[in-house]
C-alpha atoms as a PDB file:
ATOM      1  CA  MET A   1     119.625 111.003 108.567  1.00  0.00           C
ATOM      2  CA  SER A   2     119.093 107.933 110.695  1.00  0.00           C
ATOM      3  CA  SER A   3     115.755 106.354 111.556  1.00  0.00           C
ATOM      4  CA  PRO A   4     115.694 107.521 115.220  1.00  0.00           C
ATOM      5  CA  GLN A   5     116.376 111.076 114.105  1.00  0.00           C
ATOM      6  CA  ARG A   6     113.528 110.903 111.590  1.00  0.00           C
ATOM      7  CA  LYS A   7     111.161 109.647 114.274  1.00  0.00           C
ATOM      8  CA  ILE A   8     112.091 112.556 116.571  1.00  0.00           C
ATOM      9  CA  ILE A   9     111.681 115.106 113.795  1.00  0.00           C
ATOM     10  CA  LYS A  10     108.356 113.531 112.800  1.00  0.00           C
ATOM     11  CA  ARG A  11     107.099 113.800 116.397  1.00  0.00           C
ATOM     12  CA  ILE A  12     108.147 117.440 116.607  1.00  0.00           C
ATOM     13  CA  VAL A  13     106.392 118.234 113.305  1.00  0.00           C
ATOM     14  CA  VAL A  14     103.244 116.433 114.515  1.00  0.00           C
ATOM     15  CA  VAL A  15     103.141 118.388 117.775  1.00  0.00           C
ATOM     16  CA  VAL A  16     103.727 121.744 116.072  1.00  0.00           C
ATOM     17  CA  VAL A  17     101.183 121.168 113.287  1.00  0.00           C
ATOM     18  CA  ALA A  18      98.581 119.791 115.717  1.00  0.00           C
ATOM     19  CA  ALA A  19      99.005 122.780 118.021  1.00  0.00           C
ATOM     20  CA  CYS A  20      98.736 125.224 115.111  1.00  0.00           C
ATOM     21  CA  ALA A  21      95.687 123.453 113.724  1.00  0.00           C
ATOM     22  CA  ALA A  22      93.998 123.424 117.141  1.00  0.00           C
ATOM     23  CA  PHE A  23      94.699 127.126 117.684  1.00  0.00           C
ATOM     24  CA  LEU A  24      93.528 127.977 114.153  1.00  0.00           C
ATOM     25  CA  ALA A  25      90.322 125.973 114.586  1.00  0.00           C
ATOM     26  CA  PHE A  26      89.559 127.535 117.975  1.00  0.00           C
ATOM     27  CA  ASP A  27      90.298 131.036 116.697  1.00  0.00           C
ATOM     28  CA  GLY A  28      88.204 130.465 113.582  1.00  0.00           C
ATOM     29  CA  LEU A  29      85.261 129.194 115.644  1.00  0.00           C
ATOM     30  CA  THR A  30      85.346 132.116 118.077  1.00  0.00           C
ATOM     31  CA  ASN A  31      85.688 134.766 115.354  1.00  0.00           C
ATOM     32  CA  GLY A  32      83.378 133.111 112.830  1.00  0.00           C
ATOM     33  CA  ASN A  33      86.158 132.652 110.287  1.00  0.00           C
ATOM     34  CA  TRP A  34      85.081 129.458 108.538  1.00  0.00           C
ATOM     35  CA  TYR A  35      88.013 129.542 106.170  1.00  0.00           C
ATOM     36  CA  ALA A  36      90.349 129.164 109.139  1.00  0.00           C
ATOM     37  CA  VAL A  37      88.267 126.290 110.475  1.00  0.00           C
ATOM     38  CA  ALA A  38      88.279 124.594 107.080  1.00  0.00           C
ATOM     39  CA  PHE A  39      92.036 125.013 106.800  1.00  0.00           C
ATOM     40  CA  ALA A  40      92.552 123.612 110.315  1.00  0.00           C
ATOM     41  CA  VAL A  41      90.414 120.574 109.458  1.00  0.00           C
ATOM     42  CA  PHE A  42      92.360 120.112 106.225  1.00  0.00           C
ATOM     43  CA  ALA A  43      95.653 120.318 108.135  1.00  0.00           C
ATOM     44  CA  ALA A  44      94.415 117.749 110.664  1.00  0.00           C
ATOM     45  CA  VAL A  45      93.359 115.358 107.915  1.00  0.00           C
ATOM     46  CA  MET A  46      96.675 115.731 106.151  1.00  0.00           C
ATOM     47  CA  LEU A  47      98.492 115.133 109.463  1.00  0.00           C
ATOM     48  CA  LEU A  48      96.509 111.965 110.096  1.00  0.00           C
ATOM     49  CA  ASP A  49      97.272 110.762 106.581  1.00  0.00           C
ATOM     50  CA  TRP A  50     100.979 111.418 107.140  1.00  0.00           C
ATOM     51  CA  LEU A  51     100.924 109.478 110.402  1.00  0.00           C
ATOM     52  CA  ARG A  52      99.240 106.464 108.845  1.00  0.00           C
ATOM     53  CA  PRO A  53     101.616 103.490 108.807  1.00  0.00           C
ATOM     54  CA  THR A  54     102.985 102.589 105.421  1.00  0.00           C
ATOM     55  CA  SER A  55     103.589  99.090 104.221  1.00  0.00           C
ATOM     56  CA  GLU A  56     107.163  98.039 103.748  1.00  0.00           C
ATOM     57  CA  ALA A  57     108.143  97.049 100.241  1.00  0.00           C
ATOM     58  CA  VAL A  58     108.507  93.298  99.887  1.00  0.00           C
ATOM     59  CA  GLU A  59     111.479  92.084  97.964  1.00  0.00           C
ATOM     60  CA  SER A  60     110.521  89.985  94.953  1.00  0.00           C
ATOM     61  CA  VAL A  61     111.241  86.270  95.066  1.00  0.00           C
ATOM     62  CA  ASP A  62     112.706  84.385  92.144  1.00  0.00           C
ATOM     63  CA  PRO A  63     110.400  81.430  91.368  1.00  0.00           C
ATOM     64  CA  SER A  64     113.380  79.151  90.904  1.00  0.00           C
ATOM     65  CA  MET A  65     114.340  79.794  94.559  1.00  0.00           C
ATOM     66  CA  VAL A  66     110.999  78.466  95.877  1.00  0.00           C
ATOM     67  CA  PRO A  67     111.581  74.891  97.132  1.00  0.00           C
ATOM     68  CA  ALA A  68     109.539  72.198  95.406  1.00  0.00           C
ATOM     69  CA  ASP A  69     108.530  70.909  98.833  1.00  0.00           C
ATOM     70  CA  ASP A  70     106.801  74.242  99.583  1.00  0.00           C
ATOM     71  CA  VAL A  71     104.820  73.989  96.356  1.00  0.00           C
ATOM     72  CA  LEU A  72     103.794  70.403  97.115  1.00  0.00           C
ATOM     73  CA  ALA A  73     102.887  71.330 100.687  1.00  0.00           C
ATOM     74  CA  ALA A  74     100.662  74.178  99.458  1.00  0.00           C
ATOM     75  CA  ILE A  75      98.937  71.831  96.983  1.00  0.00           C
ATOM     76  CA  SER A  76      98.422  69.070  99.510  1.00  0.00           C
ATOM     77  CA  ALA A  77      97.124  71.466 102.200  1.00  0.00           C
ATOM     78  CA  THR A  78      94.323  72.757  99.952  1.00  0.00           C
ATOM     79  CA  ASP A  79      91.549  71.227  97.934  1.00  0.00           C
ATOM     80  CA  SER A  80      91.946  73.172  94.718  1.00  0.00           C
ATOM     81  CA  ARG A  81      94.337  75.226  92.637  1.00  0.00           C
ATOM     82  CA  ILE A  82      93.440  78.791  93.677  1.00  0.00           C
ATOM     83  CA  PRO A  83      93.801  78.238  97.457  1.00  0.00           C
ATOM     84  CA  ALA A  84      97.139  76.529  96.781  1.00  0.00           C
ATOM     85  CA  ILE A  85      98.352  79.619  94.895  1.00  0.00           C
ATOM     86  CA  LYS A  86      97.194  81.862  97.754  1.00  0.00           C
ATOM     87  CA  LEU A  87      98.886  79.664 100.345  1.00  0.00           C
ATOM     88  CA  LEU A  88     102.122  79.603  98.376  1.00  0.00           C
ATOM     89  CA  ARG A  89     102.099  83.397  98.139  1.00  0.00           C
ATOM     90  CA  GLU A  90     101.470  83.658 101.899  1.00  0.00           C
ATOM     91  CA  HIS A  91     104.574  81.565 102.554  1.00  0.00           C
ATOM     92  CA  HIS A  92     106.633  83.501  99.984  1.00  0.00           C
ATOM     93  CA  PRO A  93     105.308  87.122 100.081  1.00  0.00           C
ATOM     94  CA  GLY A  94     107.560  88.394  97.292  1.00  0.00           C
ATOM     95  CA  LEU A  95     106.327  85.758  94.835  1.00  0.00           C
ATOM     96  CA  GLY A  96     104.233  87.190  92.069  1.00  0.00           C
ATOM     97  CA  LEU A  97     100.761  85.903  91.226  1.00  0.00           C
ATOM     98  CA  LYS A  98     101.738  84.592  87.789  1.00  0.00           C
ATOM     99  CA  ASP A  99     104.859  82.915  89.140  1.00  0.00           C
ATOM    100  CA  ALA A 100     102.913  81.214  91.925  1.00  0.00           C
ATOM    101  CA  LYS A 101     100.277  80.099  89.393  1.00  0.00           C
ATOM    102  CA  ASP A 102     102.947  78.671  87.105  1.00  0.00           C
ATOM    103  CA  LEU A 103     104.628  76.800  89.962  1.00  0.00           C
ATOM    104  CA  VAL A 104     101.344  75.248  91.117  1.00  0.00           C
ATOM    105  CA  ASP A 105     100.235  74.426  87.576  1.00  0.00           C
ATOM    106  CA  ASP A 106     103.593  72.784  86.768  1.00  0.00           C
ATOM    107  CA  ARG A 107     103.247  70.521  89.820  1.00  0.00           C
ATOM    108  CA  LEU A 108      99.612  69.687  89.135  1.00  0.00           C
ATOM    109  CA  GLY A 109     100.414  68.694  85.578  1.00  0.00           C
END
């Protein structure tokens, strides 16, 4: 199934579940059925959780592929080791913490 088809199906599911939850909540409130209200609230919370954007998986970066100039630029742009590691990881998101630390430490000596 392609991405546009998934988006359409997701929108349809959202509309149907939201309509059912709203009807169930209204019916539960008018008839005093608190179990129905609780279930409608639970369905709404689950729907909101499902709609929450997910982060895309970042592909890992091989430390040997990071240019030495990037490591030197990160070191020279900061005043200490830890900010240099953070800056290097910002420029190369798939780089692991230990790998970035090793790259910076190797350059610092």
